PDB file of N, CA and C in Angstrom:
ATOM      1  N   MET A   1      47.693   9.747 -40.170  1.00  0.00           N
ATOM      2  CA  MET A   1      47.975   8.532 -39.441  1.00  0.00           C
ATOM      3  C   MET A   1      49.315   8.686 -38.725  1.00  0.00           C
ATOM      4  N   ASN A   2      49.327   8.403 -37.428  1.00  0.00           N
ATOM      5  CA  ASN A   2      50.552   8.474 -36.647  1.00  0.00           C
ATOM      6  C   ASN A   2      51.387   7.217 -36.849  1.00  0.00           C
ATOM      7  N   THR A   3      52.689   7.406 -36.915  1.00  0.00           N
ATOM      8  CA  THR A   3      53.648   6.313 -36.957  1.00  0.00           C
ATOM      9  C   THR A   3      54.681   6.599 -35.865  1.00  0.00           C
ATOM     10  N   PRO A   4      55.569   5.646 -35.543  1.00  0.00           N
ATOM     11  CA  PRO A   4      56.579   5.935 -34.511  1.00  0.00           C
ATOM     12  C   PRO A   4      57.486   7.110 -34.838  1.00  0.00           C
ATOM     13  N   LYS A   5      57.587   7.508 -36.099  1.00  0.00           N
ATOM     14  CA  LYS A   5      58.495   8.586 -36.483  1.00  0.00           C
ATOM     15  C   LYS A   5      57.811   9.909 -36.808  1.00  0.00           C
ATOM     16  N   GLN A   6      56.518   9.894 -37.075  1.00  0.00           N
ATOM     17  CA  GLN A   6      55.852  11.146 -37.445  1.00  0.00           C
ATOM     18  C   GLN A   6      54.378  11.106 -37.082  1.00  0.00           C
ATOM     19  N   GLY A   7      53.797  12.284 -36.999  1.00  0.00           N
ATOM     20  CA  GLY A   7      52.372  12.420 -36.697  1.00  0.00           C
ATOM     21  C   GLY A   7      52.147  13.438 -35.600  1.00  0.00           C
ATOM     22  N   THR A   8      50.914  13.549 -35.155  1.00  0.00           N
ATOM     23  CA  THR A   8      50.546  14.491 -34.096  1.00  0.00           C
ATOM     24  C   THR A   8      49.564  13.838 -33.136  1.00  0.00           C
ATOM     25  N   TYR A   9      49.447  14.425 -31.970  1.00  0.00           N
ATOM     26  CA  TYR A   9      48.444  13.995 -30.999  1.00  0.00           C
ATOM     27  C   TYR A   9      47.891  15.235 -30.309  1.00  0.00           C
ATOM     28  N   ARG A  10      46.634  15.138 -29.933  1.00  0.00           N
ATOM     29  CA  ARG A  10      45.974  16.249 -29.230  1.00  0.00           C
ATOM     30  C   ARG A  10      46.047  15.990 -27.730  1.00  0.00           C
ATOM     31  N   TRP A  11      46.220  17.066 -26.976  1.00  0.00           N
ATOM     32  CA  TRP A  11      46.249  16.945 -25.527  1.00  0.00           C
ATOM     33  C   TRP A  11      45.506  18.122 -24.906  1.00  0.00           C
ATOM     34  N   MET A  12      45.005  17.899 -23.714  1.00  0.00           N
ATOM     35  CA  MET A  12      44.351  18.989 -22.984  1.00  0.00           C
ATOM     36  C   MET A  12      44.372  18.694 -21.495  1.00  0.00           C
ATOM     37  N   ILE A  13      44.256  19.762 -20.731  1.00  0.00           N
ATOM     38  CA  ILE A  13      44.178  19.684 -19.277  1.00  0.00           C
ATOM     39  C   ILE A  13      42.961  20.497 -18.874  1.00  0.00           C
ATOM     40  N   TYR A  14      42.068  19.868 -18.142  1.00  0.00           N
ATOM     41  CA  TYR A  14      40.836  20.546 -17.761  1.00  0.00           C
ATOM     42  C   TYR A  14      40.443  20.183 -16.336  1.00  0.00           C
ATOM     43  N   LYS A  15      39.568  20.984 -15.783  1.00  0.00           N
ATOM     44  CA  LYS A  15      39.112  20.784 -14.408  1.00  0.00           C
ATOM     45  C   LYS A  15      37.787  20.046 -14.402  1.00  0.00           C
ATOM     46  N   GLU A  16      37.706  19.064 -13.509  1.00  0.00           N
ATOM     47  CA  GLU A  16      36.455  18.341 -13.304  1.00  0.00           C
ATOM     48  C   GLU A  16      36.285  18.162 -11.806  1.00  0.00           C
ATOM     49  N   GLY A  17      35.333  18.869 -11.241  1.00  0.00           N
ATOM     50  CA  GLY A  17      35.172  18.857  -9.786  1.00  0.00           C
ATOM     51  C   GLY A  17      36.360  19.532  -9.138  1.00  0.00           C
ATOM     52  N   ASP A  18      36.997  18.827  -8.190  1.00  0.00           N
ATOM     53  CA  ASP A  18      38.172  19.367  -7.507  1.00  0.00           C
ATOM     54  C   ASP A  18      39.482  18.922  -8.144  1.00  0.00           C
ATOM     55  N   SER A  19      39.415  18.119  -9.189  1.00  0.00           N
ATOM     56  CA  SER A  19      40.616  17.559  -9.805  1.00  0.00           C
ATOM     57  C   SER A  19      40.889  18.154 -11.176  1.00  0.00           C
ATOM     58  N   TRP A  20      42.151  18.111 -11.555  1.00  0.00           N
ATOM     59  CA  TRP A  20      42.576  18.467 -12.899  1.00  0.00           C
ATOM     60  C   TRP A  20      42.883  17.178 -13.637  1.00  0.00           C
ATOM     61  N   ILE A  21      42.459  17.100 -14.875  1.00  0.00           N
ATOM     62  CA  ILE A  21      42.634  15.898 -15.682  1.00  0.00           C
ATOM     63  C   ILE A  21      43.420  16.274 -16.932  1.00  0.00           C
ATOM     64  N   GLY A  22      44.461  15.508 -17.206  1.00  0.00           N
ATOM     65  CA  GLY A  22      45.252  15.676 -18.417  1.00  0.00           C
ATOM     66  C   GLY A  22      45.038  14.480 -19.320  1.00  0.00           C
ATOM     67  N   VAL A  23      44.816  14.743 -20.605  1.00  0.00           N
ATOM     68  CA  VAL A  23      44.513  13.680 -21.567  1.00  0.00           C
ATOM     69  C   VAL A  23      45.377  13.844 -22.814  1.00  0.00           C
ATOM     70  N   ALA A  24      46.025  12.754 -23.229  1.00  0.00           N
ATOM     71  CA  ALA A  24      46.661  12.676 -24.551  1.00  0.00           C
ATOM     72  C   ALA A  24      45.709  11.817 -25.376  1.00  0.00           C
ATOM     73  N   MET A  25      44.936  12.456 -26.197  1.00  0.00           N
ATOM     74  CA  MET A  25      43.738  11.847 -26.775  1.00  0.00           C
ATOM     75  C   MET A  25      44.005  10.638 -27.667  1.00  0.00           C
ATOM     76  N   GLU A  26      44.934  10.712 -28.591  1.00  0.00           N
ATOM     77  CA  GLU A  26      45.148   9.604 -29.523  1.00  0.00           C
ATOM     78  C   GLU A  26      45.816   8.403 -28.865  1.00  0.00           C
ATOM     79  N   PHE A  27      46.347   8.587 -27.649  1.00  0.00           N
ATOM     80  CA  PHE A  27      47.001   7.486 -26.947  1.00  0.00           C
ATOM     81  C   PHE A  27      46.161   6.970 -25.775  1.00  0.00           C
ATOM     82  N   ASN A  28      45.046   7.629 -25.496  1.00  0.00           N
ATOM     83  CA  ASN A  28      44.200   7.281 -24.352  1.00  0.00           C
ATOM     84  C   ASN A  28      44.993   7.268 -23.046  1.00  0.00           C
ATOM     85  N   ILE A  29      45.851   8.263 -22.887  1.00  0.00           N
ATOM     86  CA  ILE A  29      46.592   8.444 -21.639  1.00  0.00           C
ATOM     87  C   ILE A  29      45.863   9.503 -20.832  1.00  0.00           C
ATOM     88  N   VAL A  30      45.595   9.192 -19.563  1.00  0.00           N
ATOM     89  CA  VAL A  30      44.895  10.123 -18.681  1.00  0.00           C
ATOM     90  C   VAL A  30      45.641  10.188 -17.358  1.00  0.00           C
ATOM     91  N   VAL A  31      45.907  11.405 -16.890  1.00  0.00           N
ATOM     92  CA  VAL A  31      46.503  11.613 -15.571  1.00  0.00           C
ATOM     93  C   VAL A  31      45.644  12.621 -14.815  1.00  0.00           C
ATOM     94  N   THR A  32      45.643  12.516 -13.500  1.00  0.00           N
ATOM     95  CA  THR A  32      44.863  13.440 -12.682  1.00  0.00           C
ATOM     96  C   THR A  32      45.723  13.984 -11.545  1.00  0.00           C
ATOM     97  N   GLY A  33      45.299  15.120 -11.010  1.00  0.00           N
ATOM     98  CA  GLY A  33      45.995  15.711  -9.883  1.00  0.00           C
ATOM     99  C   GLY A  33      45.285  16.950  -9.388  1.00  0.00           C
ATOM    100  N   GLU A  34      45.858  17.524  -8.346  1.00  0.00           N
ATOM    101  CA  GLU A  34      45.268  18.705  -7.724  1.00  0.00           C
ATOM    102  C   GLU A  34      45.802  20.013  -8.301  1.00  0.00           C
ATOM    103  N   ASP A  35      46.937  19.953  -9.000  1.00  0.00           N
ATOM    104  CA  ASP A  35      47.582  21.144  -9.546  1.00  0.00           C
ATOM    105  C   ASP A  35      47.724  20.973 -11.057  1.00  0.00           C
ATOM    106  N   PRO A  36      47.166  21.885 -11.851  1.00  0.00           N
ATOM    107  CA  PRO A  36      47.232  21.701 -13.305  1.00  0.00           C
ATOM    108  C   PRO A  36      48.656  21.705 -13.857  1.00  0.00           C
ATOM    109  N   ARG A  37      49.567  22.412 -13.200  1.00  0.00           N
ATOM    110  CA  ARG A  37      50.955  22.428 -13.669  1.00  0.00           C
ATOM    111  C   ARG A  37      51.610  21.072 -13.483  1.00  0.00           C
ATOM    112  N   MET A  38      51.311  20.408 -12.361  1.00  0.00           N
ATOM    113  CA  MET A  38      51.850  19.061 -12.130  1.00  0.00           C
ATOM    114  C   MET A  38      51.219  18.061 -13.087  1.00  0.00           C
ATOM    115  N   VAL A  39      49.937  18.224 -13.356  1.00  0.00           N
ATOM    116  CA  VAL A  39      49.265  17.342 -14.321  1.00  0.00           C
ATOM    117  C   VAL A  39      49.908  17.495 -15.693  1.00  0.00           C
ATOM    118  N   GLU A  40      50.248  18.725 -16.058  1.00  0.00           N
ATOM    119  CA  GLU A  40      50.903  18.957 -17.349  1.00  0.00           C
ATOM    120  C   GLU A  40      52.257  18.248 -17.416  1.00  0.00           C
ATOM    121  N   ILE A  41      53.036  18.338 -16.363  1.00  0.00           N
ATOM    122  CA  ILE A  41      54.344  17.673 -16.317  1.00  0.00           C
ATOM    123  C   ILE A  41      54.173  16.158 -16.383  1.00  0.00           C
ATOM    124  N   GLU A  42      53.251  15.631 -15.597  1.00  0.00           N
ATOM    125  CA  GLU A  42      53.031  14.184 -15.566  1.00  0.00           C
ATOM    126  C   GLU A  42      52.486  13.664 -16.896  1.00  0.00           C
ATOM    127  N   LEU A  43      51.630  14.440 -17.537  1.00  0.00           N
ATOM    128  CA  LEU A  43      51.107  14.029 -18.840  1.00  0.00           C
ATOM    129  C   LEU A  43      52.237  13.996 -19.871  1.00  0.00           C
ATOM    130  N   ASN A  44      53.084  15.008 -19.862  1.00  0.00           N
ATOM    131  CA  ASN A  44      54.205  15.048 -20.786  1.00  0.00           C
ATOM    132  C   ASN A  44      55.135  13.849 -20.560  1.00  0.00           C
ATOM    133  N   GLU A  45      55.431  13.544 -19.309  1.00  0.00           N
ATOM    134  CA  GLU A  45      56.286  12.389 -18.996  1.00  0.00           C
ATOM    135  C   GLU A  45      55.632  11.080 -19.441  1.00  0.00           C
ATOM    136  N   ALA A  46      54.331  10.959 -19.253  1.00  0.00           N
ATOM    137  CA  ALA A  46      53.617   9.749 -19.660  1.00  0.00           C
ATOM    138  C   ALA A  46      53.655   9.575 -21.180  1.00  0.00           C
ATOM    139  N   VAL A  47      53.479  10.663 -21.909  1.00  0.00           N
ATOM    140  CA  VAL A  47      53.523  10.598 -23.375  1.00  0.00           C
ATOM    141  C   VAL A  47      54.920  10.203 -23.849  1.00  0.00           C
ATOM    142  N   ILE A  48      55.942  10.809 -23.271  1.00  0.00           N
ATOM    143  CA  ILE A  48      57.313  10.476 -23.658  1.00  0.00           C
ATOM    144  C   ILE A  48      57.599   9.003 -23.394  1.00  0.00           C
ATOM    145  N   GLY A  49      57.221   8.508 -22.226  1.00  0.00           N
ATOM    146  CA  GLY A  49      57.423   7.099 -21.900  1.00  0.00           C
ATOM    147  C   GLY A  49      56.667   6.177 -22.835  1.00  0.00           C
ATOM    148  N   TYR A  50      55.448   6.552 -23.154  1.00  0.00           N
ATOM    149  CA  TYR A  50      54.620   5.768 -24.063  1.00  0.00           C
ATOM    150  C   TYR A  50      55.268   5.672 -25.442  1.00  0.00           C
ATOM    151  N   LEU A  51      55.715   6.805 -25.965  1.00  0.00           N
ATOM    152  CA  LEU A  51      56.316   6.825 -27.303  1.00  0.00           C
ATOM    153  C   LEU A  51      57.669   6.116 -27.323  1.00  0.00           C
ATOM    154  N   GLU A  52      58.447   6.261 -26.255  1.00  0.00           N
ATOM    155  CA  GLU A  52      59.716   5.529 -26.182  1.00  0.00           C
ATOM    156  C   GLU A  52      59.475   4.026 -26.173  1.00  0.00           C
ATOM    157  N   SER A  53      58.450   3.586 -25.477  1.00  0.00           N
ATOM    158  CA  SER A  53      58.108   2.161 -25.442  1.00  0.00           C
ATOM    159  C   SER A  53      57.702   1.654 -26.815  1.00  0.00           C
ATOM    160  N   VAL A  54      56.906   2.435 -27.517  1.00  0.00           N
ATOM    161  CA  VAL A  54      56.475   2.038 -28.864  1.00  0.00           C
ATOM    162  C   VAL A  54      57.681   1.920 -29.793  1.00  0.00           C
ATOM    163  N   LYS A  55      58.609   2.865 -29.681  1.00  0.00           N
ATOM    164  CA  LYS A  55      59.787   2.852 -30.554  1.00  0.00           C
ATOM    165  C   LYS A  55      60.695   1.654 -30.273  1.00  0.00           C
ATOM    166  N   LYS A  56      60.633   1.095 -29.063  1.00  0.00           N
ATOM    167  CA  LYS A  56      61.475  -0.044 -28.701  1.00  0.00           C
ATOM    168  C   LYS A  56      60.921  -1.375 -29.208  1.00  0.00           C
ATOM    169  N   ILE A  57      59.674  -1.392 -29.601  1.00  0.00           N
ATOM    170  CA  ILE A  57      59.073  -2.634 -30.086  1.00  0.00           C
ATOM    171  C   ILE A  57      59.697  -2.960 -31.436  1.00  0.00           C
ATOM    172  N   LYS A  58      60.341  -4.074 -31.505  1.00  0.00           N
ATOM    173  CA  LYS A  58      61.020  -4.473 -32.745  1.00  0.00           C
ATOM    174  C   LYS A  58      60.388  -5.769 -33.254  1.00  0.00           C
ATOM    175  N   GLY A  59      60.428  -5.971 -34.533  1.00  0.00           N
ATOM    176  CA  GLY A  59      59.936  -7.210 -35.111  1.00  0.00           C
ATOM    177  C   GLY A  59      58.444  -7.241 -35.382  1.00  0.00           C
ATOM    178  N   PHE A  60      57.773  -6.118 -35.171  1.00  0.00           N
ATOM    179  CA  PHE A  60      56.343  -6.055 -35.441  1.00  0.00           C
ATOM    180  C   PHE A  60      56.109  -5.256 -36.710  1.00  0.00           C
ATOM    181  N   ARG A  61      55.077  -5.585 -37.391  1.00  0.00           N
ATOM    182  CA  ARG A  61      54.720  -4.848 -38.614  1.00  0.00           C
ATOM    183  C   ARG A  61      54.007  -3.557 -38.257  1.00  0.00           C
ATOM    184  N   ASP A  62      54.056  -2.611 -39.192  1.00  0.00           N
ATOM    185  CA  ASP A  62      53.390  -1.326 -38.968  1.00  0.00           C
ATOM    186  C   ASP A  62      51.922  -1.509 -38.629  1.00  0.00           C
ATOM    187  N   GLY A  63      51.287  -2.496 -39.215  1.00  0.00           N
ATOM    188  CA  GLY A  63      49.871  -2.744 -38.953  1.00  0.00           C
ATOM    189  C   GLY A  63      49.582  -3.095 -37.514  1.00  0.00           C
ATOM    190  N   GLN A  64      50.594  -3.554 -36.796  1.00  0.00           N
ATOM    191  CA  GLN A  64      50.426  -3.874 -35.381  1.00  0.00           C
ATOM    192  C   GLN A  64      50.818  -2.707 -34.481  1.00  0.00           C
ATOM    193  N   ILE A  65      51.779  -1.909 -34.928  1.00  0.00           N
ATOM    194  CA  ILE A  65      52.258  -0.772 -34.130  1.00  0.00           C
ATOM    195  C   ILE A  65      51.373   0.466 -34.295  1.00  0.00           C
ATOM    196  N   ASN A  66      51.008   0.787 -35.532  1.00  0.00           N
ATOM    197  CA  ASN A  66      50.290   2.028 -35.792  1.00  0.00           C
ATOM    198  C   ASN A  66      48.966   2.157 -35.039  1.00  0.00           C
ATOM    199  N   PRO A  67      48.195   1.075 -34.823  1.00  0.00           N
ATOM    200  CA  PRO A  67      46.966   1.244 -34.032  1.00  0.00           C
ATOM    201  C   PRO A  67      47.225   1.695 -32.594  1.00  0.00           C
ATOM    202  N   ILE A  68      48.398   1.391 -32.068  1.00  0.00           N
ATOM    203  CA  ILE A  68      48.751   1.831 -30.714  1.00  0.00           C
ATOM    204  C   ILE A  68      48.852   3.362 -30.671  1.00  0.00           C
ATOM    205  N   LEU A  69      49.263   3.955 -31.786  1.00  0.00           N
ATOM    206  CA  LEU A  69      49.449   5.406 -31.852  1.00  0.00           C
ATOM    207  C   LEU A  69      48.237   6.144 -32.401  1.00  0.00           C
ATOM    208  N   ASN A  70      47.194   5.401 -32.752  1.00  0.00           N
ATOM    209  CA  ASN A  70      45.997   6.002 -33.363  1.00  0.00           C
ATOM    210  C   ASN A  70      44.739   5.413 -32.745  1.00  0.00           C
ATOM    211  N   GLN A  71      44.651   5.479 -31.440  1.00  0.00           N
ATOM    212  CA  GLN A  71      43.524   4.877 -30.741  1.00  0.00           C
ATOM    213  C   GLN A  71      42.266   5.727 -30.868  1.00  0.00           C
ATOM    214  N   MET A  72      41.135   5.073 -30.733  1.00  0.00           N
ATOM    215  CA  MET A  72      39.850   5.768 -30.733  1.00  0.00           C
ATOM    216  C   MET A  72      39.732   6.548 -29.427  1.00  0.00           C
ATOM    217  N   THR A  73      39.467   7.835 -29.552  1.00  0.00           N
ATOM    218  CA  THR A  73      39.367   8.717 -28.388  1.00  0.00           C
ATOM    219  C   THR A  73      37.996   8.601 -27.749  1.00  0.00           C
ATOM    220  N   GLU A  74      37.962   8.662 -26.433  1.00  0.00           N
ATOM    221  CA  GLU A  74      36.696   8.657 -25.709  1.00  0.00           C
ATOM    222  C   GLU A  74      35.834   9.831 -26.188  1.00  0.00           C
ATOM    223  N   GLN A  75      34.555   9.594 -26.359  1.00  0.00           N
ATOM    224  CA  GLN A  75      33.647  10.624 -26.867  1.00  0.00           C
ATOM    225  C   GLN A  75      33.602  11.847 -25.952  1.00  0.00           C
ATOM    226  N   GLU A  76      33.696  11.641 -24.654  1.00  0.00           N
ATOM    227  CA  GLU A  76      33.701  12.758 -23.698  1.00  0.00           C
ATOM    228  C   GLU A  76      34.835  13.737 -24.010  1.00  0.00           C
ATOM    229  N   TYR A  77      36.022  13.214 -24.315  1.00  0.00           N
ATOM    230  CA  TYR A  77      37.166  14.062 -24.624  1.00  0.00           C
ATOM    231  C   TYR A  77      37.013  14.724 -25.991  1.00  0.00           C
ATOM    232  N   GLU A  78      36.483  13.987 -26.941  1.00  0.00           N
ATOM    233  CA  GLU A  78      36.228  14.569 -28.273  1.00  0.00           C
ATOM    234  C   GLU A  78      35.274  15.751 -28.170  1.00  0.00           C
ATOM    235  N   ASN A  79      34.208  15.574 -27.392  1.00  0.00           N
ATOM    236  CA  ASN A  79      33.227  16.652 -27.226  1.00  0.00           C
ATOM    237  C   ASN A  79      33.845  17.874 -26.568  1.00  0.00           C
ATOM    238  N   LEU A  80      34.648  17.647 -25.546  1.00  0.00           N
ATOM    239  CA  LEU A  80      35.302  18.752 -24.844  1.00  0.00           C
ATOM    240  C   LEU A  80      36.283  19.467 -25.771  1.00  0.00           C
ATOM    241  N   TRP A  81      37.050  18.693 -26.538  1.00  0.00           N
ATOM    242  CA  TRP A  81      38.002  19.276 -27.505  1.00  0.00           C
ATOM    243  C   TRP A  81      37.270  20.119 -28.543  1.00  0.00           C
ATOM    244  N   THR A  82      36.221  19.548 -29.110  1.00  0.00           N
ATOM    245  CA  THR A  82      35.457  20.245 -30.145  1.00  0.00           C
ATOM    246  C   THR A  82      34.864  21.538 -29.603  1.00  0.00           C
ATOM    247  N   SER A  83      34.305  21.471 -28.423  1.00  0.00           N
ATOM    248  CA  SER A  83      33.715  22.650 -27.801  1.00  0.00           C
ATOM    249  C   SER A  83      34.771  23.722 -27.543  1.00  0.00           C
ATOM    250  N   ALA A  84      35.910  23.328 -27.009  1.00  0.00           N
ATOM    251  CA  ALA A  84      36.952  24.304 -26.675  1.00  0.00           C
ATOM    252  C   ALA A  84      37.569  24.922 -27.918  1.00  0.00           C
ATOM    253  N   THR A  85      37.821  24.126 -28.936  1.00  0.00           N
ATOM    254  CA  THR A  85      38.466  24.674 -30.128  1.00  0.00           C
ATOM    255  C   THR A  85      37.479  25.461 -30.984  1.00  0.00           C
ATOM    256  N   ALA A  86      36.213  25.097 -30.961  1.00  0.00           N
ATOM    257  CA  ALA A  86      35.217  25.838 -31.738  1.00  0.00           C
ATOM    258  C   ALA A  86      35.013  27.237 -31.156  1.00  0.00           C
ATOM    259  N   LYS A  87      34.970  27.333 -29.831  1.00  0.00           N
ATOM    260  CA  LYS A  87      34.750  28.623 -29.183  1.00  0.00           C
ATOM    261  C   LYS A  87      35.941  29.558 -29.385  1.00  0.00           C
ATOM    262  N   ASN A  88      37.127  28.989 -29.424  1.00  0.00           N
ATOM    263  CA  ASN A  88      38.330  29.806 -29.446  1.00  0.00           C
ATOM    264  C   ASN A  88      39.089  29.716 -30.762  1.00  0.00           C
ATOM    265  N   GLN A  89      38.537  29.052 -31.759  1.00  0.00           N
ATOM    266  CA  GLN A  89      39.207  28.858 -33.038  1.00  0.00           C
ATOM    267  C   GLN A  89      40.639  28.364 -32.837  1.00  0.00           C
ATOM    268  N   GLY A  90      40.835  27.426 -31.882  1.00  0.00           N
ATOM    269  CA  GLY A  90      42.148  26.828 -31.654  1.00  0.00           C
ATOM    270  C   GLY A  90      43.058  27.642 -30.756  1.00  0.00           C
ATOM    271  N   ALA A  91      42.606  28.784 -30.283  1.00  0.00           N
ATOM    272  CA  ALA A  91      43.440  29.628 -29.418  1.00  0.00           C
ATOM    273  C   ALA A  91      43.438  29.089 -27.993  1.00  0.00           C
ATOM    274  N   VAL A  92      44.207  29.728 -27.150  1.00  0.00           N
ATOM    275  CA  VAL A  92      44.251  29.350 -25.739  1.00  0.00           C
ATOM    276  C   VAL A  92      42.857  29.525 -25.148  1.00  0.00           C
ATOM    277  N   PRO A  93      42.394  28.550 -24.372  1.00  0.00           N
ATOM    278  CA  PRO A  93      41.053  28.643 -23.795  1.00  0.00           C
ATOM    279  C   PRO A  93      40.904  29.830 -22.848  1.00  0.00           C
ATOM    280  N   SER A  94      39.695  30.291 -22.699  1.00  0.00           N
ATOM    281  CA  SER A  94      39.393  31.383 -21.786  1.00  0.00           C
ATOM    282  C   SER A  94      39.723  30.975 -20.357  1.00  0.00           C
ATOM    283  N   PRO A  95      40.273  31.890 -19.544  1.00  0.00           N
ATOM    284  CA  PRO A  95      40.541  31.564 -18.142  1.00  0.00           C
ATOM    285  C   PRO A  95      39.259  31.273 -17.366  1.00  0.00           C
ATOM    286  N   LEU A  96      38.132  31.636 -17.922  1.00  0.00           N
ATOM    287  CA  LEU A  96      36.864  31.364 -17.244  1.00  0.00           C
ATOM    288  C   LEU A  96      36.341  29.958 -17.547  1.00  0.00           C
ATOM    289  N   SER A  97      36.956  29.254 -18.494  1.00  0.00           N
ATOM    290  CA  SER A  97      36.525  27.897 -18.812  1.00  0.00           C
ATOM    291  C   SER A  97      37.198  26.923 -17.857  1.00  0.00           C
ATOM    292  N   ASP A  98      36.789  25.671 -17.922  1.00  0.00           N
ATOM    293  CA  ASP A  98      37.395  24.632 -17.099  1.00  0.00           C
ATOM    294  C   ASP A  98      38.648  24.056 -17.744  1.00  0.00           C
ATOM    295  N   ILE A  99      39.043  24.568 -18.903  1.00  0.00           N
ATOM    296  CA  ILE A  99      40.224  24.062 -19.594  1.00  0.00           C
ATOM    297  C   ILE A  99      41.418  24.947 -19.249  1.00  0.00           C
ATOM    298  N   TYR A 100      42.449  24.313 -18.734  1.00  0.00           N
ATOM    299  CA  TYR A 100      43.685  25.010 -18.364  1.00  0.00           C
ATOM    300  C   TYR A 100      44.541  25.246 -19.599  1.00  0.00           C
ATOM    301  N   LYS A 101      44.787  24.182 -20.365  1.00  0.00           N
ATOM    302  CA  LYS A 101      45.577  24.276 -21.590  1.00  0.00           C
ATOM    303  C   LYS A 101      45.139  23.169 -22.543  1.00  0.00           C
ATOM    304  N   LEU A 102      45.409  23.382 -23.826  1.00  0.00           N
ATOM    305  CA  LEU A 102      45.229  22.334 -24.829  1.00  0.00           C
ATOM    306  C   LEU A 102      46.178  22.602 -25.959  1.00  0.00           C
ATOM    307  N   GLY A 103      46.457  21.579 -26.736  1.00  0.00           N
ATOM    308  CA  GLY A 103      47.369  21.773 -27.850  1.00  0.00           C
ATOM    309  C   GLY A 103      47.509  20.526 -28.702  1.00  0.00           C
ATOM    310  N   ILE A 104      48.379  20.652 -29.684  1.00  0.00           N
ATOM    311  CA  ILE A 104      48.684  19.537 -30.574  1.00  0.00           C
ATOM    312  C   ILE A 104      50.182  19.323 -30.509  1.00  0.00           C
ATOM    313  N   GLY A 105      50.586  18.105 -30.117  1.00  0.00           N
ATOM    314  CA  GLY A 105      51.995  17.771 -30.016  1.00  0.00           C
ATOM    315  C   GLY A 105      52.468  17.002 -31.240  1.00  0.00           C
ATOM    316  N   SER A 106      53.747  17.106 -31.528  1.00  0.00           N
ATOM    317  CA  SER A 106      54.343  16.424 -32.674  1.00  0.00           C
ATOM    318  C   SER A 106      55.116  15.193 -32.212  1.00  0.00           C
ATOM    319  N   LEU A 107      54.905  14.063 -32.874  1.00  0.00           N
ATOM    320  CA  LEU A 107      55.658  12.863 -32.536  1.00  0.00           C
ATOM    321  C   LEU A 107      57.121  12.994 -32.931  1.00  0.00           C
ATOM    322  N   ALA A 108      57.411  13.825 -33.899  1.00  0.00           N
ATOM    323  CA  ALA A 108      58.794  14.013 -34.345  1.00  0.00           C
ATOM    324  C   ALA A 108      59.632  14.701 -33.286  1.00  0.00           C
ATOM    325  N   ASN A 109      58.989  15.445 -32.388  1.00  0.00           N
ATOM    326  CA  ASN A 109      59.720  16.188 -31.345  1.00  0.00           C
ATOM    327  C   ASN A 109      59.904  15.408 -30.063  1.00  0.00           C
ATOM    328  N   VAL A 110      59.404  14.180 -30.017  1.00  0.00           N
ATOM    329  CA  VAL A 110      59.504  13.396 -28.774  1.00  0.00           C
ATOM    330  C   VAL A 110      60.629  12.412 -28.892  1.00  0.00           C
TER     331      VAL A 110
END
């Protein structure tokens, strides 16, 4: 379970049509663009902003904050994650796949 001080989130950047899509799965953050490197930067900035906003919320109980950090992931992203990690046992995706990068980020490092 993610809290404002600890936990992890999964992220990935993949190609769909002519666009690159970046997803922070547990936060339901999605960014798109034409360049996967820019999508990676924008996704990272969005996650940092999201987590900083959560940390600023004062006066709320954990039961109200923690669901913000543990959202239900869209099934499409879950399927893509499962497929990519199963094929590569968690390693970097093949350059022949539509996935540019994926990983697990730590909330403690943000």
